[in-house]
């Protein structure tokens, strides 16, 4: 059975324990980092060793309504994507030899 992802409160507790901070201070650091990431995402926001948020333009395309089978036009739009850093990929899924 797979483990559940860490909750926000578990992350805050872990940061507090490992860095000699109170939980309140850890929460403030985490919230400040998240707010900064949201603000800077349109310019590209990098967390060294983890990855970066990038703004990507998607082209207009044709799609299909799965219920009716009708072809529909999907307009172009901008989306935010997270690109994992190579160091993170290698740590989570070691490269094959």
PDB file of N, CA and C in Angstrom:
ATOM      1  N   UNK A   1       0.837  -1.175   0.000  1.00  0.00           N
ATOM      2  CA  UNK A   1       0.000   0.000   0.000  1.00  0.00           C
ATOM      3  C   UNK A   1       0.889   1.248   0.000  1.00  0.00           C
ATOM      4  N   UNK A   2       0.569   2.207  -0.833  1.00  0.00           N
ATOM      5  CA  UNK A   2       1.379   3.415  -0.966  1.00  0.00           C
ATOM      6  C   UNK A   2       1.190   4.340   0.234  1.00  0.00           C
ATOM      7  N   UNK A   3       2.270   5.027   0.582  1.00  0.00           N
ATOM      8  CA  UNK A   3       2.191   6.018   1.659  1.00  0.00           C
ATOM      9  C   UNK A   3       1.474   7.250   1.146  1.00  0.00           C
ATOM     10  N   UNK A   4       0.820   7.960   2.060  1.00  0.00           N
ATOM     11  CA  UNK A   4       0.128   9.191   1.697  1.00  0.00           C
ATOM     12  C   UNK A   4       1.130  10.334   1.643  1.00  0.00           C
ATOM     13  N   UNK A   5       0.876  11.327   0.778  1.00  0.00           N
ATOM     14  CA  UNK A   5       1.764  12.489   0.751  1.00  0.00           C
ATOM     15  C   UNK A   5       1.699  13.267   2.061  1.00  0.00           C
ATOM     16  N   UNK A   6       2.776  13.993   2.357  1.00  0.00           N
ATOM     17  CA  UNK A   6       2.808  14.798   3.578  1.00  0.00           C
ATOM     18  C   UNK A   6       1.778  15.917   3.496  1.00  0.00           C
ATOM     19  N   UNK A   7       1.163  16.213   4.617  1.00  0.00           N
ATOM     20  CA  UNK A   7       0.220  17.332   4.690  1.00  0.00           C
ATOM     21  C   UNK A   7       1.006  18.605   4.972  1.00  0.00           C
ATOM     22  N   UNK A   8       0.336  19.739   4.832  1.00  0.00           N
ATOM     23  CA  UNK A   8       0.973  21.024   5.106  1.00  0.00           C
ATOM     24  C   UNK A   8       1.469  21.081   6.547  1.00  0.00           C
ATOM     25  N   UNK A   9       0.655  20.611   7.488  1.00  0.00           N
ATOM     26  CA  UNK A   9       1.065  20.662   8.895  1.00  0.00           C
ATOM     27  C   UNK A   9       2.248  19.731   9.171  1.00  0.00           C
ATOM     28  N   UNK A  10       2.328  18.601   8.466  1.00  0.00           N
ATOM     29  CA  UNK A  10       3.471  17.702   8.627  1.00  0.00           C
ATOM     30  C   UNK A  10       4.748  18.337   8.075  1.00  0.00           C
ATOM     31  N   UNK A  11       4.628  19.032   6.944  1.00  0.00           N
ATOM     32  CA  UNK A  11       5.785  19.720   6.362  1.00  0.00           C
ATOM     33  C   UNK A  11       6.267  20.812   7.310  1.00  0.00           C
ATOM     34  N   UNK A  12       5.339  21.580   7.865  1.00  0.00           N
ATOM     35  CA  UNK A  12       5.688  22.651   8.804  1.00  0.00           C
ATOM     36  C   UNK A  12       6.383  22.075  10.035  1.00  0.00           C
ATOM     37  N   UNK A  13       5.856  20.987  10.578  1.00  0.00           N
ATOM     38  CA  UNK A  13       6.462  20.347  11.749  1.00  0.00           C
ATOM     39  C   UNK A  13       7.867  19.842  11.431  1.00  0.00           C
ATOM     40  N   UNK A  14       8.046  19.258  10.253  1.00  0.00           N
ATOM     41  CA  UNK A  14       9.352  18.734   9.842  1.00  0.00           C
ATOM     42  C   UNK A  14      10.367  19.869   9.704  1.00  0.00           C
ATOM     43  N   UNK A  15       9.956  20.981   9.067  1.00  0.00           N
ATOM     44  CA  UNK A  15      10.839  22.139   8.932  1.00  0.00           C
ATOM     45  C   UNK A  15      11.214  22.701  10.302  1.00  0.00           C
ATOM     46  N   UNK A  16      10.246  22.768  11.199  1.00  0.00           N
ATOM     47  CA  UNK A  16      10.504  23.303  12.543  1.00  0.00           C
ATOM     48  C   UNK A  16      11.507  22.427  13.289  1.00  0.00           C
ATOM     49  N   UNK A  17      11.314  21.110  13.238  1.00  0.00           N
ATOM     50  CA  UNK A  17      12.194  20.184  13.954  1.00  0.00           C
ATOM     51  C   UNK A  17      13.624  20.217  13.417  1.00  0.00           C
ATOM     52  N   UNK A  18      13.764  20.269  12.094  1.00  0.00           N
ATOM     53  CA  UNK A  18      15.094  20.171  11.489  1.00  0.00           C
ATOM     54  C   UNK A  18      15.867  21.491  11.454  1.00  0.00           C
ATOM     55  N   UNK A  19      15.196  22.612  11.706  1.00  0.00           N
ATOM     56  CA  UNK A  19      15.877  23.900  11.589  1.00  0.00           C
ATOM     57  C   UNK A  19      15.839  24.750  12.848  1.00  0.00           C
ATOM     58  N   UNK A  20      15.388  24.184  13.942  1.00  0.00           N
ATOM     59  CA  UNK A  20      15.367  24.919  15.208  1.00  0.00           C
ATOM     60  C   UNK A  20      14.424  26.105  15.190  1.00  0.00           C
ATOM     61  N   UNK A  21      13.341  25.989  14.445  1.00  0.00           N
ATOM     62  CA  UNK A  21      12.341  27.055  14.373  1.00  0.00           C
ATOM     63  C   UNK A  21      11.077  26.610  15.089  1.00  0.00           C
ATOM     64  N   UNK A  22      10.232  27.577  15.401  1.00  0.00           N
ATOM     65  CA  UNK A  22       8.920  27.216  15.924  1.00  0.00           C
ATOM     66  C   UNK A  22       8.041  26.840  14.736  1.00  0.00           C
ATOM     67  N   UNK A  23       6.932  26.195  15.024  1.00  0.00           N
ATOM     68  CA  UNK A  23       6.008  25.840  13.945  1.00  0.00           C
ATOM     69  C   UNK A  23       5.453  27.098  13.288  1.00  0.00           C
ATOM     70  N   UNK A  24       5.226  28.137  14.078  1.00  0.00           N
ATOM     71  CA  UNK A  24       4.706  29.392  13.531  1.00  0.00           C
ATOM     72  C   UNK A  24       5.715  30.012  12.560  1.00  0.00           C
ATOM     73  N   UNK A  25       7.000  30.007  12.930  1.00  0.00           N
ATOM     74  CA  UNK A  25       8.037  30.546  12.049  1.00  0.00           C
ATOM     75  C   UNK A  25       8.148  29.714  10.767  1.00  0.00           C
ATOM     76  N   UNK A  26       8.071  28.405  10.900  1.00  0.00           N
ATOM     77  CA  UNK A  26       8.145  27.517   9.738  1.00  0.00           C
ATOM     78  C   UNK A  26       6.970  27.758   8.807  1.00  0.00           C
ATOM     79  N   UNK A  27       5.784  27.961   9.385  1.00  0.00           N
ATOM     80  CA  UNK A  27       4.597  28.229   8.573  1.00  0.00           C
ATOM     81  C   UNK A  27       4.771  29.532   7.802  1.00  0.00           C
ATOM     82  N   UNK A  28       5.323  30.562   8.456  1.00  0.00           N
ATOM     83  CA  UNK A  28       5.545  31.853   7.808  1.00  0.00           C
ATOM     84  C   UNK A  28       6.542  31.720   6.659  1.00  0.00           C
ATOM     85  N   UNK A  29       7.605  30.944   6.860  1.00  0.00           N
ATOM     86  CA  UNK A  29       8.607  30.734   5.807  1.00  0.00           C
ATOM     87  C   UNK A  29       7.962  30.023   4.618  1.00  0.00           C
ATOM     88  N   UNK A  30       7.207  28.982   4.877  1.00  0.00           N
ATOM     89  CA  UNK A  30       6.555  28.218   3.814  1.00  0.00           C
ATOM     90  C   UNK A  30       5.562  29.098   3.048  1.00  0.00           C
ATOM     91  N   UNK A  31       4.750  29.852   3.765  1.00  0.00           N
ATOM     92  CA  UNK A  31       3.763  30.719   3.114  1.00  0.00           C
ATOM     93  C   UNK A  31       4.439  31.831   2.318  1.00  0.00           C
ATOM     94  N   UNK A  32       5.541  32.367   2.818  1.00  0.00           N
ATOM     95  CA  UNK A  32       6.293  33.399   2.105  1.00  0.00           C
ATOM     96  C   UNK A  32       6.883  32.830   0.813  1.00  0.00           C
ATOM     97  N   UNK A  33       7.423  31.626   0.865  1.00  0.00           N
ATOM     98  CA  UNK A  33       7.990  30.968  -0.306  1.00  0.00           C
ATOM     99  C   UNK A  33       6.911  30.712  -1.363  1.00  0.00           C
ATOM    100  N   UNK A  34       5.744  30.256  -0.934  1.00  0.00           N
ATOM    101  CA  UNK A  34       4.636  29.995  -1.849  1.00  0.00           C
ATOM    102  C   UNK A  34       4.162  31.301  -2.488  1.00  0.00           C
ATOM    103  N   UNK A  35       4.014  32.359  -1.697  1.00  0.00           N
ATOM    104  CA  UNK A  35       3.576  33.649  -2.230  1.00  0.00           C
ATOM    105  C   UNK A  35       4.584  34.187  -3.247  1.00  0.00           C
ATOM    106  N   UNK A  36       5.863  34.025  -2.957  1.00  0.00           N
ATOM    107  CA  UNK A  36       6.906  34.470  -3.880  1.00  0.00           C
ATOM    108  C   UNK A  36       6.844  33.672  -5.179  1.00  0.00           C
ATOM    109  N   UNK A  37       6.624  32.364  -5.081  1.00  0.00           N
ATOM    110  CA  UNK A  37       6.516  31.517  -6.273  1.00  0.00           C
ATOM    111  C   UNK A  37       5.337  31.948  -7.139  1.00  0.00           C
ATOM    112  N   UNK A  38       4.189  32.243  -6.531  1.00  0.00           N
ATOM    113  CA  UNK A  38       3.014  32.696  -7.282  1.00  0.00           C
ATOM    114  C   UNK A  38       3.298  34.013  -7.995  1.00  0.00           C
ATOM    115  N   UNK A  39       3.953  34.926  -7.273  1.00  0.00           N
ATOM    116  CA  UNK A  39       4.226  36.256  -7.816  1.00  0.00           C
ATOM    117  C   UNK A  39       5.206  36.195  -8.983  1.00  0.00           C
ATOM    118  N   UNK A  40       6.225  35.351  -8.880  1.00  0.00           N
ATOM    119  CA  UNK A  40       7.296  35.311  -9.872  1.00  0.00           C
ATOM    120  C   UNK A  40       7.121  34.243 -10.945  1.00  0.00           C
ATOM    121  N   UNK A  41       6.055  33.441 -10.896  1.00  0.00           N
ATOM    122  CA  UNK A  41       5.870  32.345 -11.847  1.00  0.00           C
ATOM    123  C   UNK A  41       5.837  32.829 -13.287  1.00  0.00           C
ATOM    124  N   UNK A  42       5.273  34.009 -13.531  1.00  0.00           N
ATOM    125  CA  UNK A  42       5.182  34.505 -14.911  1.00  0.00           C
ATOM    126  C   UNK A  42       6.560  34.796 -15.499  1.00  0.00           C
ATOM    127  N   UNK A  43       7.565  35.026 -14.654  1.00  0.00           N
ATOM    128  CA  UNK A  43       8.934  35.269 -15.106  1.00  0.00           C
ATOM    129  C   UNK A  43       9.789  34.008 -15.021  1.00  0.00           C
ATOM    130  N   UNK A  44       9.257  32.970 -14.426  1.00  0.00           N
ATOM    131  CA  UNK A  44      10.025  31.754 -14.166  1.00  0.00           C
ATOM    132  C   UNK A  44      10.534  31.805 -12.733  1.00  0.00           C
ATOM    133  N   UNK A  45      10.214  30.803 -11.945  1.00  0.00           N
ATOM    134  CA  UNK A  45      10.625  30.750 -10.533  1.00  0.00           C
ATOM    135  C   UNK A  45      11.343  29.436 -10.295  1.00  0.00           C
ATOM    136  N   UNK A  46      12.590  29.496  -9.847  1.00  0.00           N
ATOM    137  CA  UNK A  46      13.397  28.297  -9.662  1.00  0.00           C
ATOM    138  C   UNK A  46      13.659  28.023  -8.192  1.00  0.00           C
ATOM    139  N   UNK A  47      13.449  26.780  -7.778  1.00  0.00           N
ATOM    140  CA  UNK A  47      13.879  26.302  -6.468  1.00  0.00           C
ATOM    141  C   UNK A  47      15.076  25.389  -6.748  1.00  0.00           C
ATOM    142  N   UNK A  48      16.305  25.858  -6.487  1.00  0.00           N
ATOM    143  CA  UNK A  48      17.498  25.083  -6.827  1.00  0.00           C
ATOM    144  C   UNK A  48      17.443  23.665  -6.251  1.00  0.00           C
ATOM    145  N   UNK A  49      17.724  22.694  -7.097  1.00  0.00           N
ATOM    146  CA  UNK A  49      17.724  21.300  -6.682  1.00  0.00           C
ATOM    147  C   UNK A  49      16.362  20.636  -6.738  1.00  0.00           C
ATOM    148  N   UNK A  50      15.291  21.418  -6.901  1.00  0.00           N
ATOM    149  CA  UNK A  50      13.944  20.852  -6.952  1.00  0.00           C
ATOM    150  C   UNK A  50      13.325  21.009  -8.336  1.00  0.00           C
ATOM    151  N   UNK A  51      13.296  22.234  -8.854  1.00  0.00           N
ATOM    152  CA  UNK A  51      12.734  22.464 -10.175  1.00  0.00           C
ATOM    153  C   UNK A  51      12.315  23.901 -10.340  1.00  0.00           C
ATOM    154  N   UNK A  52      11.553  24.172 -11.419  1.00  0.00           N
ATOM    155  CA  UNK A  52      11.130  25.544 -11.649  1.00  0.00           C
ATOM    156  C   UNK A  52       9.721  25.605 -12.219  1.00  0.00           C
ATOM    157  N   UNK A  53       9.048  26.713 -11.885  1.00  0.00           N
ATOM    158  CA  UNK A  53       7.739  27.018 -12.450  1.00  0.00           C
ATOM    159  C   UNK A  53       7.975  27.839 -13.711  1.00  0.00           C
ATOM    160  N   UNK A  54       7.324  27.448 -14.815  1.00  0.00           N
ATOM    161  CA  UNK A  54       7.465  28.181 -16.064  1.00  0.00           C
ATOM    162  C   UNK A  54       6.091  28.420 -16.668  1.00  0.00           C
ATOM    163  N   UNK A  55       5.950  29.551 -17.359  1.00  0.00           N
ATOM    164  CA  UNK A  55       4.723  29.882 -18.054  1.00  0.00           C
ATOM    165  C   UNK A  55       4.865  29.384 -19.489  1.00  0.00           C
ATOM    166  N   UNK A  56       3.915  28.563 -19.946  1.00  0.00           N
ATOM    167  CA  UNK A  56       3.973  27.952 -21.268  1.00  0.00           C
ATOM    168  C   UNK A  56       2.740  28.365 -22.064  1.00  0.00           C
ATOM    169  N   UNK A  57       2.958  28.730 -23.329  1.00  0.00           N
ATOM    170  CA  UNK A  57       1.838  29.068 -24.212  1.00  0.00           C
ATOM    171  C   UNK A  57       1.412  27.813 -24.967  1.00  0.00           C
ATOM    172  N   UNK A  58       0.143  27.442 -24.844  1.00  0.00           N
ATOM    173  CA  UNK A  58      -0.401  26.312 -25.590  1.00  0.00           C
ATOM    174  C   UNK A  58      -1.072  26.831 -26.847  1.00  0.00           C
ATOM    175  N   UNK A  59      -0.846  26.165 -27.956  1.00  0.00           N
ATOM    176  CA  UNK A  59      -1.470  26.560 -29.211  1.00  0.00           C
ATOM    177  C   UNK A  59      -2.933  26.136 -29.217  1.00  0.00           C
ATOM    178  N   UNK A  60      -3.717  26.805 -30.068  1.00  0.00           N
ATOM    179  CA  UNK A  60      -5.106  26.392 -30.254  1.00  0.00           C
ATOM    180  C   UNK A  60      -5.092  25.016 -30.925  1.00  0.00           C
ATOM    181  N   UNK A  61      -6.071  24.193 -30.608  1.00  0.00           N
ATOM    182  CA  UNK A  61      -6.112  22.842 -31.181  1.00  0.00           C
ATOM    183  C   UNK A  61      -7.542  22.355 -31.257  1.00  0.00           C
ATOM    184  N   UNK A  62      -7.700  21.230 -31.923  1.00  0.00           N
ATOM    185  CA  UNK A  62      -9.024  20.622 -32.016  1.00  0.00           C
ATOM    186  C   UNK A  62      -9.115  19.505 -30.992  1.00  0.00           C
ATOM    187  N   UNK A  63     -10.272  19.395 -30.376  1.00  0.00           N
ATOM    188  CA  UNK A  63     -10.512  18.339 -29.405  1.00  0.00           C
ATOM    189  C   UNK A  63     -11.812  17.634 -29.731  1.00  0.00           C
ATOM    190  N   UNK A  64     -12.195  16.718 -28.873  1.00  0.00           N
ATOM    191  CA  UNK A  64     -13.417  15.966 -29.110  1.00  0.00           C
ATOM    192  C   UNK A  64     -14.203  15.863 -27.811  1.00  0.00           C
ATOM    193  N   UNK A  65     -15.500  16.165 -27.896  1.00  0.00           N
ATOM    194  CA  UNK A  65     -16.383  15.996 -26.750  1.00  0.00           C
ATOM    195  C   UNK A  65     -16.593  14.493 -26.571  1.00  0.00           C
ATOM    196  N   UNK A  66     -16.159  13.920 -25.437  1.00  0.00           N
ATOM    197  CA  UNK A  66     -16.256  12.467 -25.265  1.00  0.00           C
ATOM    198  C   UNK A  66     -17.693  11.947 -25.204  1.00  0.00           C
ATOM    199  N   UNK A  67     -18.642  12.780 -24.805  1.00  0.00           N
ATOM    200  CA  UNK A  67     -20.027  12.314 -24.705  1.00  0.00           C
ATOM    201  C   UNK A  67     -20.711  12.249 -26.055  1.00  0.00           C
ATOM    202  N   UNK A  68     -20.478  13.278 -26.887  1.00  0.00           N
ATOM    203  CA  UNK A  68     -21.191  13.346 -28.173  1.00  0.00           C
ATOM    204  C   UNK A  68     -20.310  12.977 -29.349  1.00  0.00           C
ATOM    205  N   UNK A  69     -18.996  12.979 -29.175  1.00  0.00           N
ATOM    206  CA  UNK A  69     -18.093  12.699 -30.279  1.00  0.00           C
ATOM    207  C   UNK A  69     -17.901  13.915 -31.179  1.00  0.00           C
ATOM    208  N   UNK A  70     -18.524  15.040 -30.824  1.00  0.00           N
ATOM    209  CA  UNK A  70     -18.456  16.265 -31.619  1.00  0.00           C
ATOM    210  C   UNK A  70     -17.058  16.878 -31.522  1.00  0.00           C
ATOM    211  N   UNK A  71     -16.529  17.341 -32.654  1.00  0.00           N
ATOM    212  CA  UNK A  71     -15.237  18.009 -32.677  1.00  0.00           C
ATOM    213  C   UNK A  71     -15.429  19.448 -32.192  1.00  0.00           C
ATOM    214  N   UNK A  72     -14.549  19.866 -31.292  1.00  0.00           N
ATOM    215  CA  UNK A  72     -14.631  21.223 -30.758  1.00  0.00           C
ATOM    216  C   UNK A  72     -13.278  21.913 -30.903  1.00  0.00           C
ATOM    217  N   UNK A  73     -13.295  23.244 -30.914  1.00  0.00           N
ATOM    218  CA  UNK A  73     -12.069  24.013 -30.996  1.00  0.00           C
ATOM    219  C   UNK A  73     -11.652  24.408 -29.587  1.00  0.00           C
ATOM    220  N   UNK A  74     -10.414  24.108 -29.231  1.00  0.00           N
ATOM    221  CA  UNK A  74      -9.869  24.474 -27.928  1.00  0.00           C
ATOM    222  C   UNK A  74      -8.972  25.692 -28.159  1.00  0.00           C
ATOM    223  N   UNK A  75      -9.285  26.821 -27.532  1.00  0.00           N
ATOM    224  CA  UNK A  75      -8.513  28.050 -27.792  1.00  0.00           C
ATOM    225  C   UNK A  75      -7.100  27.990 -27.206  1.00  0.00           C
ATOM    226  N   UNK A  76      -6.215  28.828 -27.755  1.00  0.00           N
ATOM    227  CA  UNK A  76      -4.860  28.943 -27.219  1.00  0.00           C
ATOM    228  C   UNK A  76      -4.945  29.554 -25.827  1.00  0.00           C
ATOM    229  N   UNK A  77      -4.002  29.184 -24.957  1.00  0.00           N
ATOM    230  CA  UNK A  77      -3.979  29.766 -23.616  1.00  0.00           C
ATOM    231  C   UNK A  77      -2.611  29.566 -22.975  1.00  0.00           C
ATOM    232  N   UNK A  78      -2.417  30.260 -21.881  1.00  0.00           N
ATOM    233  CA  UNK A  78      -1.169  30.137 -21.121  1.00  0.00           C
ATOM    234  C   UNK A  78      -1.427  29.237 -19.927  1.00  0.00           C
ATOM    235  N   UNK A  79      -0.459  28.376 -19.614  1.00  0.00           N
ATOM    236  CA  UNK A  79      -0.561  27.493 -18.457  1.00  0.00           C
ATOM    237  C   UNK A  79       0.755  27.529 -17.679  1.00  0.00           C
ATOM    238  N   UNK A  80       0.691  27.227 -16.404  1.00  0.00           N
ATOM    239  CA  UNK A  80       1.885  27.148 -15.560  1.00  0.00           C
ATOM    240  C   UNK A  80       2.260  25.679 -15.435  1.00  0.00           C
ATOM    241  N   UNK A  81       3.537  25.380 -15.683  1.00  0.00           N
ATOM    242  CA  UNK A  81       4.035  24.010 -15.554  1.00  0.00           C
ATOM    243  C   UNK A  81       5.203  23.994 -14.582  1.00  0.00           C
ATOM    244  N   UNK A  82       5.400  22.827 -13.967  1.00  0.00           N
ATOM    245  CA  UNK A  82       6.545  22.645 -13.069  1.00  0.00           C
ATOM    246  C   UNK A  82       7.503  21.674 -13.732  1.00  0.00           C
ATOM    247  N   UNK A  83       8.727  22.117 -13.937  1.00  0.00           N
ATOM    248  CA  UNK A  83       9.753  21.266 -14.547  1.00  0.00           C
ATOM    249  C   UNK A  83      10.720  20.824 -13.459  1.00  0.00           C
ATOM    250  N   UNK A  84      10.817  19.518 -13.292  1.00  0.00           N
ATOM    251  CA  UNK A  84      11.684  18.956 -12.258  1.00  0.00           C
ATOM    252  C   UNK A  84      13.153  19.150 -12.625  1.00  0.00           C
ATOM    253  N   UNK A  85      13.975  19.429 -11.638  1.00  0.00           N
ATOM    254  CA  UNK A  85      15.419  19.543 -11.834  1.00  0.00           C
ATOM    255  C   UNK A  85      15.999  18.138 -12.001  1.00  0.00           C
ATOM    256  N   UNK A  86      17.082  18.032 -12.744  1.00  0.00           N
ATOM    257  CA  UNK A  86      17.716  16.732 -12.977  1.00  0.00           C
ATOM    258  C   UNK A  86      18.140  16.091 -11.656  1.00  0.00           C
ATOM    259  N   UNK A  87      18.644  16.898 -10.724  1.00  0.00           N
ATOM    260  CA  UNK A  87      19.067  16.375  -9.418  1.00  0.00           C
ATOM    261  C   UNK A  87      17.889  15.723  -8.693  1.00  0.00           C
ATOM    262  N   UNK A  88      16.705  16.327  -8.798  1.00  0.00           N
ATOM    263  CA  UNK A  88      15.512  15.775  -8.158  1.00  0.00           C
ATOM    264  C   UNK A  88      15.102  14.471  -8.825  1.00  0.00           C
ATOM    265  N   UNK A  89      15.096  14.453 -10.152  1.00  0.00           N
ATOM    266  CA  UNK A  89      14.742  13.234 -10.886  1.00  0.00           C
ATOM    267  C   UNK A  89      15.665  12.089 -10.499  1.00  0.00           C
ATOM    268  N   UNK A  90      16.969  12.382 -10.461  1.00  0.00           N
ATOM    269  CA  UNK A  90      17.961  11.348 -10.136  1.00  0.00           C
ATOM    270  C   UNK A  90      17.827  10.864  -8.696  1.00  0.00           C
ATOM    271  N   UNK A  91      17.431  11.746  -7.774  1.00  0.00           N
ATOM    272  CA  UNK A  91      17.266  11.348  -6.377  1.00  0.00           C
ATOM    273  C   UNK A  91      16.031  10.473  -6.182  1.00  0.00           C
ATOM    274  N   UNK A  92      14.952  10.792  -6.907  1.00  0.00           N
ATOM    275  CA  UNK A  92      13.713  10.041  -6.760  1.00  0.00           C
ATOM    276  C   UNK A  92      13.741   8.759  -7.571  1.00  0.00           C
ATOM    277  N   UNK A  93      14.197   8.865  -8.824  1.00  0.00           N
ATOM    278  CA  UNK A  93      14.298   7.711  -9.714  1.00  0.00           C
ATOM    279  C   UNK A  93      15.727   7.633 -10.226  1.00  0.00           C
ATOM    280  N   UNK A  94      16.591   6.866  -9.536  1.00  0.00           N
ATOM    281  CA  UNK A  94      17.993   6.801  -9.944  1.00  0.00           C
ATOM    282  C   UNK A  94      18.122   6.372 -11.406  1.00  0.00           C
ATOM    283  N   UNK A  95      19.082   6.975 -12.145  1.00  0.00           N
ATOM    284  CA  UNK A  95      19.255   6.612 -13.570  1.00  0.00           C
ATOM    285  C   UNK A  95      19.692   5.159 -13.714  1.00  0.00           C
ATOM    286  N   UNK A  96      19.216   4.541 -14.785  1.00  0.00           N
ATOM    287  CA  UNK A  96      19.592   3.142 -15.049  1.00  0.00           C
ATOM    288  C   UNK A  96      21.012   3.102 -15.562  1.00  0.00           C
ATOM    289  N   UNK A  97      21.714   2.040 -15.169  1.00  0.00           N
ATOM    290  CA  UNK A  97      23.121   1.908 -15.590  1.00  0.00           C
ATOM    291  C   UNK A  97      23.238   1.089 -16.851  1.00  0.00           C
TER     292      UNK A  97
END
